[in-house]
């Protein structure tokens, strides 16, 4: 059954191009480890909420933009194997100090796909 990893993160707006560069590298790696597709979406209509919202969830600051992304895998097993390979990739070690966002405020999770039309 198709499996999806979802991510929400606050990215400094001035770092949009750097974030895209990192995303391109990550997408290439994830696809080489079995991902079917990788999607990155830059927020442009993401309102603040009164009780909860995307900006509140990632503690988005005034100079940041919410990014919503997902990775589609053929199955959870493929995702688990792909993540393990990704985490062991030497390219990741050289990039970890230069991330254009605060990973501590990232929200992520894995989901079984229920409906796709």
PDB file of N, CA and C in Angstrom:
ATOM      1  N   UNK A   1       0.837  -1.179   0.000  1.00  0.00           N
ATOM      2  CA  UNK A   1       0.000   0.000   0.000  1.00  0.00           C
ATOM      3  C   UNK A   1       0.883   1.244   0.000  1.00  0.00           C
ATOM      4  N   UNK A   2       0.552   2.218  -0.813  1.00  0.00           N
ATOM      5  CA  UNK A   2       1.322   3.453  -0.921  1.00  0.00           C
ATOM      6  C   UNK A   2       1.427   4.134   0.442  1.00  0.00           C
ATOM      7  N   UNK A   3       2.592   4.699   0.713  1.00  0.00           N
ATOM      8  CA  UNK A   3       2.877   5.322   1.997  1.00  0.00           C
ATOM      9  C   UNK A   3       3.411   6.725   1.754  1.00  0.00           C
ATOM     10  N   UNK A   4       3.053   7.674   2.633  1.00  0.00           N
ATOM     11  CA  UNK A   4       3.445   9.066   2.461  1.00  0.00           C
ATOM     12  C   UNK A   4       4.091   9.587   3.734  1.00  0.00           C
ATOM     13  N   UNK A   5       5.233  10.244   3.588  1.00  0.00           N
ATOM     14  CA  UNK A   5       5.834  11.009   4.676  1.00  0.00           C
ATOM     15  C   UNK A   5       5.434  12.457   4.461  1.00  0.00           C
ATOM     16  N   UNK A   6       4.926  13.117   5.507  1.00  0.00           N
ATOM     17  CA  UNK A   6       4.552  14.521   5.415  1.00  0.00           C
ATOM     18  C   UNK A   6       5.405  15.372   6.333  1.00  0.00           C
ATOM     19  N   UNK A   7       5.680  16.595   5.894  1.00  0.00           N
ATOM     20  CA  UNK A   7       6.545  17.507   6.643  1.00  0.00           C
ATOM     21  C   UNK A   7       5.991  18.927   6.586  1.00  0.00           C
ATOM     22  N   UNK A   8       6.117  19.640   7.697  1.00  0.00           N
ATOM     23  CA  UNK A   8       5.829  21.069   7.738  1.00  0.00           C
ATOM     24  C   UNK A   8       7.000  21.704   8.476  1.00  0.00           C
ATOM     25  N   UNK A   9       7.523  22.787   7.916  1.00  0.00           N
ATOM     26  CA  UNK A   9       8.675  23.447   8.521  1.00  0.00           C
ATOM     27  C   UNK A   9       8.602  24.945   8.231  1.00  0.00           C
ATOM     28  N   UNK A  10       9.153  25.744   9.128  1.00  0.00           N
ATOM     29  CA  UNK A  10       9.269  27.183   8.912  1.00  0.00           C
ATOM     30  C   UNK A  10      10.667  27.458   8.349  1.00  0.00           C
ATOM     31  N   UNK A  11      10.714  28.153   7.219  1.00  0.00           N
ATOM     32  CA  UNK A  11      11.983  28.444   6.553  1.00  0.00           C
ATOM     33  C   UNK A  11      12.162  29.963   6.484  1.00  0.00           C
ATOM     34  N   UNK A  12      13.328  30.494   6.867  1.00  0.00           N
ATOM     35  CA  UNK A  12      13.544  31.921   6.696  1.00  0.00           C
ATOM     36  C   UNK A  12      13.279  32.305   5.231  1.00  0.00           C
ATOM     37  N   UNK A  13      12.426  33.284   5.033  1.00  0.00           N
ATOM     38  CA  UNK A  13      12.023  33.678   3.685  1.00  0.00           C
ATOM     39  C   UNK A  13      13.233  34.021   2.822  1.00  0.00           C
ATOM     40  N   UNK A  14      14.234  34.626   3.396  1.00  0.00           N
ATOM     41  CA  UNK A  14      15.453  34.980   2.652  1.00  0.00           C
ATOM     42  C   UNK A  14      16.252  33.747   2.231  1.00  0.00           C
ATOM     43  N   UNK A  15      15.944  32.587   2.796  1.00  0.00           N
ATOM     44  CA  UNK A  15      16.667  31.348   2.491  1.00  0.00           C
ATOM     45  C   UNK A  15      15.919  30.448   1.491  1.00  0.00           C
ATOM     46  N   UNK A  16      14.940  31.011   0.797  1.00  0.00           N
ATOM     47  CA  UNK A  16      14.128  30.203  -0.119  1.00  0.00           C
ATOM     48  C   UNK A  16      14.991  29.470  -1.147  1.00  0.00           C
ATOM     49  N   UNK A  17      15.909  30.153  -1.795  1.00  0.00           N
ATOM     50  CA  UNK A  17      16.746  29.515  -2.818  1.00  0.00           C
ATOM     51  C   UNK A  17      17.636  28.433  -2.218  1.00  0.00           C
ATOM     52  N   UNK A  18      18.195  28.689  -1.049  1.00  0.00           N
ATOM     53  CA  UNK A  18      19.028  27.673  -0.385  1.00  0.00           C
ATOM     54  C   UNK A  18      18.184  26.459  -0.007  1.00  0.00           C
ATOM     55  N   UNK A  19      16.966  26.706   0.483  1.00  0.00           N
ATOM     56  CA  UNK A  19      16.074  25.605   0.827  1.00  0.00           C
ATOM     57  C   UNK A  19      15.781  24.766  -0.417  1.00  0.00           C
ATOM     58  N   UNK A  20      15.549  25.419  -1.538  1.00  0.00           N
ATOM     59  CA  UNK A  20      15.278  24.700  -2.776  1.00  0.00           C
ATOM     60  C   UNK A  20      16.487  23.859  -3.196  1.00  0.00           C
ATOM     61  N   UNK A  21      17.686  24.387  -3.032  1.00  0.00           N
ATOM     62  CA  UNK A  21      18.900  23.625  -3.349  1.00  0.00           C
ATOM     63  C   UNK A  21      18.984  22.359  -2.487  1.00  0.00           C
ATOM     64  N   UNK A  22      18.768  22.518  -1.186  1.00  0.00           N
ATOM     65  CA  UNK A  22      18.809  21.370  -0.271  1.00  0.00           C
ATOM     66  C   UNK A  22      17.710  20.379  -0.644  1.00  0.00           C
ATOM     67  N   UNK A  23      16.529  20.890  -0.956  1.00  0.00           N
ATOM     68  CA  UNK A  23      15.403  20.027  -1.337  1.00  0.00           C
ATOM     69  C   UNK A  23      15.706  19.223  -2.591  1.00  0.00           C
ATOM     70  N   UNK A  24      16.361  19.847  -3.559  1.00  0.00           N
ATOM     71  CA  UNK A  24      16.745  19.139  -4.792  1.00  0.00           C
ATOM     72  C   UNK A  24      17.678  17.980  -4.468  1.00  0.00           C
ATOM     73  N   UNK A  25      18.648  18.228  -3.602  1.00  0.00           N
ATOM     74  CA  UNK A  25      19.586  17.173  -3.204  1.00  0.00           C
ATOM     75  C   UNK A  25      18.856  16.055  -2.468  1.00  0.00           C
ATOM     76  N   UNK A  26      18.006  16.433  -1.501  1.00  0.00           N
ATOM     77  CA  UNK A  26      17.255  15.433  -0.750  1.00  0.00           C
ATOM     78  C   UNK A  26      16.350  14.628  -1.676  1.00  0.00           C
ATOM     79  N   UNK A  27      15.666  15.303  -2.594  1.00  0.00           N
ATOM     80  CA  UNK A  27      14.750  14.608  -3.508  1.00  0.00           C
ATOM     81  C   UNK A  27      15.500  13.587  -4.350  1.00  0.00           C
ATOM     82  N   UNK A  28      16.658  13.979  -4.848  1.00  0.00           N
ATOM     83  CA  UNK A  28      17.474  13.050  -5.644  1.00  0.00           C
ATOM     84  C   UNK A  28      17.854  11.826  -4.817  1.00  0.00           C
ATOM     85  N   UNK A  29      18.272  12.066  -3.570  1.00  0.00           N
ATOM     86  CA  UNK A  29      18.652  10.950  -2.699  1.00  0.00           C
ATOM     87  C   UNK A  29      17.453  10.065  -2.389  1.00  0.00           C
ATOM     88  N   UNK A  30      16.333  10.671  -1.973  1.00  0.00           N
ATOM     89  CA  UNK A  30      15.153   9.872  -1.645  1.00  0.00           C
ATOM     90  C   UNK A  30      14.689   9.048  -2.840  1.00  0.00           C
ATOM     91  N   UNK A  31      14.696   9.637  -4.018  1.00  0.00           N
ATOM     92  CA  UNK A  31      14.272   8.890  -5.201  1.00  0.00           C
ATOM     93  C   UNK A  31      15.248   7.764  -5.520  1.00  0.00           C
ATOM     94  N   UNK A  32      16.539   7.987  -5.262  1.00  0.00           N
ATOM     95  CA  UNK A  32      17.504   6.920  -5.507  1.00  0.00           C
ATOM     96  C   UNK A  32      17.324   5.767  -4.519  1.00  0.00           C
ATOM     97  N   UNK A  33      16.670   6.052  -3.380  1.00  0.00           N
ATOM     98  CA  UNK A  33      16.417   5.028  -2.372  1.00  0.00           C
ATOM     99  C   UNK A  33      14.984   4.520  -2.400  1.00  0.00           C
ATOM    100  N   UNK A  34      14.257   4.773  -3.498  1.00  0.00           N
ATOM    101  CA  UNK A  34      12.956   4.145  -3.684  1.00  0.00           C
ATOM    102  C   UNK A  34      11.730   5.023  -3.645  1.00  0.00           C
ATOM    103  N   UNK A  35      11.866   6.304  -3.313  1.00  0.00           N
ATOM    104  CA  UNK A  35      10.695   7.186  -3.300  1.00  0.00           C
ATOM    105  C   UNK A  35      10.137   7.325  -4.708  1.00  0.00           C
ATOM    106  N   UNK A  36       8.821   7.396  -4.801  1.00  0.00           N
ATOM    107  CA  UNK A  36       8.164   7.581  -6.097  1.00  0.00           C
ATOM    108  C   UNK A  36       8.148   9.050  -6.508  1.00  0.00           C
ATOM    109  N   UNK A  37       7.947   9.938  -5.529  1.00  0.00           N
ATOM    110  CA  UNK A  37       7.951  11.369  -5.819  1.00  0.00           C
ATOM    111  C   UNK A  37       8.226  12.150  -4.546  1.00  0.00           C
ATOM    112  N   UNK A  38       8.724  13.366  -4.736  1.00  0.00           N
ATOM    113  CA  UNK A  38       8.994  14.288  -3.638  1.00  0.00           C
ATOM    114  C   UNK A  38       8.391  15.632  -4.043  1.00  0.00           C
ATOM    115  N   UNK A  39       7.589  16.218  -3.151  1.00  0.00           N
ATOM    116  CA  UNK A  39       6.915  17.486  -3.452  1.00  0.00           C
ATOM    117  C   UNK A  39       7.255  18.492  -2.361  1.00  0.00           C
ATOM    118  N   UNK A  40       7.633  19.707  -2.761  1.00  0.00           N
ATOM    119  CA  UNK A  40       7.909  20.809  -1.842  1.00  0.00           C
ATOM    120  C   UNK A  40       6.996  21.967  -2.211  1.00  0.00           C
ATOM    121  N   UNK A  41       6.288  22.521  -1.233  1.00  0.00           N
ATOM    122  CA  UNK A  41       5.349  23.615  -1.487  1.00  0.00           C
ATOM    123  C   UNK A  41       5.666  24.804  -0.584  1.00  0.00           C
ATOM    124  N   UNK A  42       5.914  25.961  -1.197  1.00  0.00           N
ATOM    125  CA  UNK A  42       6.240  27.200  -0.487  1.00  0.00           C
ATOM    126  C   UNK A  42       4.935  27.923  -0.175  1.00  0.00           C
ATOM    127  N   UNK A  43       4.652  28.170   1.069  1.00  0.00           N
ATOM    128  CA  UNK A  43       3.389  28.791   1.472  1.00  0.00           C
ATOM    129  C   UNK A  43       3.230  30.208   0.958  1.00  0.00           C
ATOM    130  N   UNK A  44       2.044  30.522   0.441  1.00  0.00           N
ATOM    131  CA  UNK A  44       1.747  31.902   0.060  1.00  0.00           C
ATOM    132  C   UNK A  44       0.344  32.320   0.491  1.00  0.00           C
ATOM    133  N   UNK A  45      -0.410  31.413   1.094  1.00  0.00           N
ATOM    134  CA  UNK A  45      -1.725  31.724   1.653  1.00  0.00           C
ATOM    135  C   UNK A  45      -1.929  30.821   2.855  1.00  0.00           C
ATOM    136  N   UNK A  46      -1.155  31.078   3.909  1.00  0.00           N
ATOM    137  CA  UNK A  46      -1.143  30.230   5.095  1.00  0.00           C
ATOM    138  C   UNK A  46      -1.480  31.120   6.303  1.00  0.00           C
ATOM    139  N   UNK A  47      -2.766  31.255   6.594  1.00  0.00           N
ATOM    140  CA  UNK A  47      -3.183  32.199   7.633  1.00  0.00           C
ATOM    141  C   UNK A  47      -2.831  31.740   9.049  1.00  0.00           C
ATOM    142  N   UNK A  48      -2.627  32.720   9.912  1.00  0.00           N
ATOM    143  CA  UNK A  48      -2.481  32.444  11.336  1.00  0.00           C
ATOM    144  C   UNK A  48      -3.838  32.005  11.863  1.00  0.00           C
ATOM    145  N   UNK A  49      -3.831  31.146  12.837  1.00  0.00           N
ATOM    146  CA  UNK A  49      -5.078  30.694  13.434  1.00  0.00           C
ATOM    147  C   UNK A  49      -5.264  31.276  14.818  1.00  0.00           C
ATOM    148  N   UNK A  50      -6.438  31.066  15.367  1.00  0.00           N
ATOM    149  CA  UNK A  50      -6.703  31.508  16.737  1.00  0.00           C
ATOM    150  C   UNK A  50      -6.364  30.411  17.740  1.00  0.00           C
ATOM    151  N   UNK A  51      -6.606  29.163  17.358  1.00  0.00           N
ATOM    152  CA  UNK A  51      -6.335  28.035  18.252  1.00  0.00           C
ATOM    153  C   UNK A  51      -5.165  27.214  17.739  1.00  0.00           C
ATOM    154  N   UNK A  52      -5.160  26.938  16.432  1.00  0.00           N
ATOM    155  CA  UNK A  52      -4.058  26.198  15.816  1.00  0.00           C
ATOM    156  C   UNK A  52      -3.972  26.570  14.343  1.00  0.00           C
ATOM    157  N   UNK A  53      -2.823  26.357  13.758  1.00  0.00           N
ATOM    158  CA  UNK A  53      -2.593  26.655  12.348  1.00  0.00           C
ATOM    159  C   UNK A  53      -1.214  26.129  11.966  1.00  0.00           C
ATOM    160  N   UNK A  54      -0.945  26.100  10.676  1.00  0.00           N
ATOM    161  CA  UNK A  54       0.398  25.715  10.241  1.00  0.00           C
ATOM    162  C   UNK A  54       1.452  26.641  10.850  1.00  0.00           C
ATOM    163  N   UNK A  55       1.292  27.985  10.760  1.00  0.00           N
ATOM    164  CA  UNK A  55       2.321  28.849  11.346  1.00  0.00           C
ATOM    165  C   UNK A  55       2.517  28.621  12.849  1.00  0.00           C
ATOM    166  N   UNK A  56       1.418  28.425  13.568  1.00  0.00           N
ATOM    167  CA  UNK A  56       1.537  28.201  15.010  1.00  0.00           C
ATOM    168  C   UNK A  56       2.231  26.872  15.301  1.00  0.00           C
ATOM    169  N   UNK A  57       1.933  25.867  14.512  1.00  0.00           N
ATOM    170  CA  UNK A  57       2.481  24.534  14.751  1.00  0.00           C
ATOM    171  C   UNK A  57       4.000  24.511  14.658  1.00  0.00           C
ATOM    172  N   UNK A  58       4.567  25.310  13.755  1.00  0.00           N
ATOM    173  CA  UNK A  58       6.022  25.323  13.578  1.00  0.00           C
ATOM    174  C   UNK A  58       6.670  26.581  14.164  1.00  0.00           C
ATOM    175  N   UNK A  59       5.863  27.333  14.937  1.00  0.00           N
ATOM    176  CA  UNK A  59       6.357  28.566  15.567  1.00  0.00           C
ATOM    177  C   UNK A  59       6.981  29.500  14.537  1.00  0.00           C
ATOM    178  N   UNK A  60       6.267  29.697  13.442  1.00  0.00           N
ATOM    179  CA  UNK A  60       6.744  30.520  12.334  1.00  0.00           C
ATOM    180  C   UNK A  60       6.907  31.972  12.788  1.00  0.00           C
ATOM    181  N   UNK A  61       8.062  32.542  12.495  1.00  0.00           N
ATOM    182  CA  UNK A  61       8.340  33.932  12.845  1.00  0.00           C
ATOM    183  C   UNK A  61       8.031  34.836  11.657  1.00  0.00           C
ATOM    184  N   UNK A  62       8.002  36.140  11.891  1.00  0.00           N
ATOM    185  CA  UNK A  62       7.607  37.114  10.862  1.00  0.00           C
ATOM    186  C   UNK A  62       8.439  37.015   9.580  1.00  0.00           C
ATOM    187  N   UNK A  63       9.705  36.666   9.718  1.00  0.00           N
ATOM    188  CA  UNK A  63      10.594  36.611   8.551  1.00  0.00           C
ATOM    189  C   UNK A  63      10.710  35.194   7.989  1.00  0.00           C
ATOM    190  N   UNK A  64       9.741  34.331   8.304  1.00  0.00           N
ATOM    191  CA  UNK A  64       9.758  32.946   7.846  1.00  0.00           C
ATOM    192  C   UNK A  64       8.501  32.615   7.044  1.00  0.00           C
ATOM    193  N   UNK A  65       8.613  31.562   6.246  1.00  0.00           N
ATOM    194  CA  UNK A  65       7.502  31.068   5.438  1.00  0.00           C
ATOM    195  C   UNK A  65       7.295  29.595   5.761  1.00  0.00           C
ATOM    196  N   UNK A  66       6.031  29.179   5.819  1.00  0.00           N
ATOM    197  CA  UNK A  66       5.720  27.774   6.064  1.00  0.00           C
ATOM    198  C   UNK A  66       5.900  26.987   4.773  1.00  0.00           C
ATOM    199  N   UNK A  67       6.594  25.861   4.879  1.00  0.00           N
ATOM    200  CA  UNK A  67       6.775  24.948   3.753  1.00  0.00           C
ATOM    201  C   UNK A  67       6.077  23.631   4.108  1.00  0.00           C
ATOM    202  N   UNK A  68       5.315  23.129   3.155  1.00  0.00           N
ATOM    203  CA  UNK A  68       4.580  21.875   3.303  1.00  0.00           C
ATOM    204  C   UNK A  68       5.125  20.929   2.244  1.00  0.00           C
ATOM    205  N   UNK A  69       5.562  19.752   2.651  1.00  0.00           N
ATOM    206  CA  UNK A  69       6.149  18.830   1.675  1.00  0.00           C
ATOM    207  C   UNK A  69       5.773  17.398   2.005  1.00  0.00           C
ATOM    208  N   UNK A  70       5.926  16.549   0.996  1.00  0.00           N
ATOM    209  CA  UNK A  70       5.651  15.134   1.207  1.00  0.00           C
ATOM    210  C   UNK A  70       6.472  14.284   0.253  1.00  0.00           C
ATOM    211  N   UNK A  71       6.670  13.044   0.680  1.00  0.00           N
ATOM    212  CA  UNK A  71       7.381  12.051  -0.116  1.00  0.00           C
ATOM    213  C   UNK A  71       6.449  10.853  -0.262  1.00  0.00           C
ATOM    214  N   UNK A  72       6.272  10.386  -1.488  1.00  0.00           N
ATOM    215  CA  UNK A  72       5.421   9.223  -1.746  1.00  0.00           C
ATOM    216  C   UNK A  72       6.314   8.005  -1.959  1.00  0.00           C
ATOM    217  N   UNK A  73       5.984   6.931  -1.240  1.00  0.00           N
ATOM    218  CA  UNK A  73       6.723   5.674  -1.296  1.00  0.00           C
ATOM    219  C   UNK A  73       5.782   4.567  -1.767  1.00  0.00           C
ATOM    220  N   UNK A  74       6.313   3.512  -2.361  1.00  0.00           N
ATOM    221  CA  UNK A  74       5.449   2.411  -2.787  1.00  0.00           C
ATOM    222  C   UNK A  74       4.835   1.645  -1.615  1.00  0.00           C
ATOM    223  N   UNK A  75       5.495   1.678  -0.430  1.00  0.00           N
ATOM    224  CA  UNK A  75       4.999   0.967   0.748  1.00  0.00           C
ATOM    225  C   UNK A  75       5.739   1.487   1.981  1.00  0.00           C
ATOM    226  N   UNK A  76       5.235   1.124   3.151  1.00  0.00           N
ATOM    227  CA  UNK A  76       5.930   1.511   4.382  1.00  0.00           C
ATOM    228  C   UNK A  76       7.283   0.813   4.473  1.00  0.00           C
ATOM    229  N   UNK A  77       7.340  -0.433   4.030  1.00  0.00           N
ATOM    230  CA  UNK A  77       8.617  -1.160   4.061  1.00  0.00           C
ATOM    231  C   UNK A  77       9.651  -0.462   3.181  1.00  0.00           C
ATOM    232  N   UNK A  78       9.229  -0.014   2.001  1.00  0.00           N
ATOM    233  CA  UNK A  78      10.141   0.715   1.114  1.00  0.00           C
ATOM    234  C   UNK A  78      10.572   2.023   1.761  1.00  0.00           C
ATOM    235  N   UNK A  79       9.640   2.677   2.435  1.00  0.00           N
ATOM    236  CA  UNK A  79       9.960   3.923   3.133  1.00  0.00           C
ATOM    237  C   UNK A  79      10.966   3.684   4.238  1.00  0.00           C
ATOM    238  N   UNK A  80      10.755   2.639   5.043  1.00  0.00           N
ATOM    239  CA  UNK A  80      11.672   2.339   6.138  1.00  0.00           C
ATOM    240  C   UNK A  80      13.079   2.048   5.612  1.00  0.00           C
ATOM    241  N   UNK A  81      13.173   1.270   4.542  1.00  0.00           N
ATOM    242  CA  UNK A  81      14.473   0.981   3.927  1.00  0.00           C
ATOM    243  C   UNK A  81      15.089   2.241   3.333  1.00  0.00           C
ATOM    244  N   UNK A  82      14.271   3.038   2.659  1.00  0.00           N
ATOM    245  CA  UNK A  82      14.753   4.279   2.048  1.00  0.00           C
ATOM    246  C   UNK A  82      15.271   5.261   3.071  1.00  0.00           C
ATOM    247  N   UNK A  83      14.558   5.403   4.186  1.00  0.00           N
ATOM    248  CA  UNK A  83      15.003   6.309   5.247  1.00  0.00           C
ATOM    249  C   UNK A  83      16.328   5.848   5.844  1.00  0.00           C
ATOM    250  N   UNK A  84      16.446   4.551   6.059  1.00  0.00           N
ATOM    251  CA  UNK A  84      17.690   4.014   6.633  1.00  0.00           C
ATOM    252  C   UNK A  84      18.871   4.305   5.705  1.00  0.00           C
ATOM    253  N   UNK A  85      18.679   4.087   4.412  1.00  0.00           N
ATOM    254  CA  UNK A  85      19.737   4.363   3.440  1.00  0.00           C
ATOM    255  C   UNK A  85      20.039   5.857   3.372  1.00  0.00           C
ATOM    256  N   UNK A  86      18.999   6.681   3.388  1.00  0.00           N
ATOM    257  CA  UNK A  86      19.167   8.136   3.333  1.00  0.00           C
ATOM    258  C   UNK A  86      19.982   8.618   4.528  1.00  0.00           C
ATOM    259  N   UNK A  87      19.614   8.164   5.716  1.00  0.00           N
ATOM    260  CA  UNK A  87      20.304   8.598   6.925  1.00  0.00           C
ATOM    261  C   UNK A  87      21.770   8.181   6.941  1.00  0.00           C
ATOM    262  N   UNK A  88      22.128   7.117   6.235  1.00  0.00           N
ATOM    263  CA  UNK A  88      23.514   6.670   6.171  1.00  0.00           C
ATOM    264  C   UNK A  88      24.295   7.235   5.002  1.00  0.00           C
ATOM    265  N   UNK A  89      23.640   8.054   4.182  1.00  0.00           N
ATOM    266  CA  UNK A  89      24.314   8.599   3.002  1.00  0.00           C
ATOM    267  C   UNK A  89      25.356   9.633   3.418  1.00  0.00           C
ATOM    268  N   UNK A  90      26.586   9.527   2.912  1.00  0.00           N
ATOM    269  CA  UNK A  90      27.646  10.470   3.277  1.00  0.00           C
ATOM    270  C   UNK A  90      27.333  11.920   2.908  1.00  0.00           C
ATOM    271  N   UNK A  91      26.521  12.144   1.884  1.00  0.00           N
ATOM    272  CA  UNK A  91      26.163  13.512   1.486  1.00  0.00           C
ATOM    273  C   UNK A  91      25.422  14.229   2.605  1.00  0.00           C
ATOM    274  N   UNK A  92      24.672  13.486   3.380  1.00  0.00           N
ATOM    275  CA  UNK A  92      23.895  14.080   4.467  1.00  0.00           C
ATOM    276  C   UNK A  92      24.812  14.647   5.552  1.00  0.00           C
ATOM    277  N   UNK A  93      25.891  13.964   5.846  1.00  0.00           N
ATOM    278  CA  UNK A  93      26.821  14.418   6.888  1.00  0.00           C
ATOM    279  C   UNK A  93      27.439  15.762   6.542  1.00  0.00           C
ATOM    280  N   UNK A  94      27.720  15.988   5.275  1.00  0.00           N
ATOM    281  CA  UNK A  94      28.345  17.254   4.878  1.00  0.00           C
ATOM    282  C   UNK A  94      27.342  18.391   4.826  1.00  0.00           C
ATOM    283  N   UNK A  95      26.043  18.068   4.743  1.00  0.00           N
ATOM    284  CA  UNK A  95      25.024  19.104   4.638  1.00  0.00           C
ATOM    285  C   UNK A  95      24.413  19.486   5.981  1.00  0.00           C
ATOM    286  N   UNK A  96      24.500  18.633   6.987  1.00  0.00           N
ATOM    287  CA  UNK A  96      23.745  18.817   8.227  1.00  0.00           C
ATOM    288  C   UNK A  96      24.025  20.150   8.929  1.00  0.00           C
ATOM    289  N   UNK A  97      25.206  20.678   8.809  1.00  0.00           N
ATOM    290  CA  UNK A  97      25.537  21.937   9.470  1.00  0.00           C
ATOM    291  C   UNK A  97      25.020  23.146   8.690  1.00  0.00           C
ATOM    292  N   UNK A  98      24.553  22.935   7.488  1.00  0.00           N
ATOM    293  CA  UNK A  98      24.168  24.054   6.618  1.00  0.00           C
ATOM    294  C   UNK A  98      22.679  24.025   6.249  1.00  0.00           C
ATOM    295  N   UNK A  99      21.836  23.525   7.157  1.00  0.00           N
ATOM    296  CA  UNK A  99      20.406  23.451   6.862  1.00  0.00           C
ATOM    297  C   UNK A  99      19.790  24.858   6.949  1.00  0.00           C
ATOM    298  N   UNK A 100      18.962  25.208   5.977  1.00  0.00           N
ATOM    299  CA  UNK A 100      18.365  26.552   5.968  1.00  0.00           C
ATOM    300  C   UNK A 100      17.052  26.640   6.766  1.00  0.00           C
ATOM    301  N   UNK A 101      16.925  25.859   7.828  1.00  0.00           N
ATOM    302  CA  UNK A 101      15.741  25.894   8.686  1.00  0.00           C
ATOM    303  C   UNK A 101      16.088  25.260  10.022  1.00  0.00           C
ATOM    304  N   UNK A 102      15.229  25.481  11.008  1.00  0.00           N
ATOM    305  CA  UNK A 102      15.418  24.914  12.333  1.00  0.00           C
ATOM    306  C   UNK A 102      14.687  23.574  12.398  1.00  0.00           C
ATOM    307  N   UNK A 103      15.414  22.490  12.310  1.00  0.00           N
ATOM    308  CA  UNK A 103      14.830  21.162  12.302  1.00  0.00           C
ATOM    309  C   UNK A 103      14.066  20.818  13.572  1.00  0.00           C
ATOM    310  N   UNK A 104      14.339  21.505  14.676  1.00  0.00           N
ATOM    311  CA  UNK A 104      13.636  21.242  15.922  1.00  0.00           C
ATOM    312  C   UNK A 104      12.176  21.681  15.842  1.00  0.00           C
ATOM    313  N   UNK A 105      11.858  22.574  14.898  1.00  0.00           N
ATOM    314  CA  UNK A 105      10.472  23.032  14.746  1.00  0.00           C
ATOM    315  C   UNK A 105       9.762  22.339  13.584  1.00  0.00           C
ATOM    316  N   UNK A 106      10.390  21.351  12.992  1.00  0.00           N
ATOM    317  CA  UNK A 106       9.763  20.600  11.903  1.00  0.00           C
ATOM    318  C   UNK A 106       8.755  19.611  12.480  1.00  0.00           C
ATOM    319  N   UNK A 107       7.632  19.496  11.785  1.00  0.00           N
ATOM    320  CA  UNK A 107       6.637  18.476  12.123  1.00  0.00           C
ATOM    321  C   UNK A 107       6.686  17.452  11.003  1.00  0.00           C
ATOM    322  N   UNK A 108       6.727  16.183  11.370  1.00  0.00           N
ATOM    323  CA  UNK A 108       6.772  15.145  10.347  1.00  0.00           C
ATOM    324  C   UNK A 108       6.037  13.909  10.824  1.00  0.00           C
ATOM    325  N   UNK A 109       5.590  13.125   9.866  1.00  0.00           N
ATOM    326  CA  UNK A 109       4.910  11.890  10.204  1.00  0.00           C
ATOM    327  C   UNK A 109       4.706  11.034   8.976  1.00  0.00           C
ATOM    328  N   UNK A 110       4.459   9.764   9.190  1.00  0.00           N
ATOM    329  CA  UNK A 110       4.197   8.824   8.112  1.00  0.00           C
ATOM    330  C   UNK A 110       2.727   8.451   8.080  1.00  0.00           C
ATOM    331  N   UNK A 111       2.198   8.292   6.867  1.00  0.00           N
ATOM    332  CA  UNK A 111       0.761   8.082   6.698  1.00  0.00           C
ATOM    333  C   UNK A 111       0.482   7.019   5.647  1.00  0.00           C
ATOM    334  N   UNK A 112      -0.461   6.130   5.955  1.00  0.00           N
ATOM    335  CA  UNK A 112      -0.966   5.208   4.950  1.00  0.00           C
ATOM    336  C   UNK A 112      -1.955   5.973   4.083  1.00  0.00           C
ATOM    337  N   UNK A 113      -1.821   5.842   2.773  1.00  0.00           N
ATOM    338  CA  UNK A 113      -2.732   6.544   1.892  1.00  0.00           C
ATOM    339  C   UNK A 113      -4.086   5.843   1.914  1.00  0.00           C
ATOM    340  N   UNK A 114      -5.152   6.625   2.148  1.00  0.00           N
ATOM    341  CA  UNK A 114      -6.513   6.092   2.208  1.00  0.00           C
ATOM    342  C   UNK A 114      -7.294   6.362   0.925  1.00  0.00           C
ATOM    343  N   UNK A 115      -7.052   7.534   0.329  1.00  0.00           N
ATOM    344  CA  UNK A 115      -7.836   7.930  -0.824  1.00  0.00           C
ATOM    345  C   UNK A 115      -6.977   8.792  -1.735  1.00  0.00           C
ATOM    346  N   UNK A 116      -7.035   8.497  -3.001  1.00  0.00           N
ATOM    347  CA  UNK A 116      -6.359   9.330  -4.006  1.00  0.00           C
ATOM    348  C   UNK A 116      -7.231   9.328  -5.237  1.00  0.00           C
ATOM    349  N   UNK A 117      -7.637  10.475  -5.686  1.00  0.00           N
ATOM    350  CA  UNK A 117      -8.509  10.570  -6.871  1.00  0.00           C
ATOM    351  C   UNK A 117      -7.876  11.455  -7.908  1.00  0.00           C
TER     352      UNK A 117
END
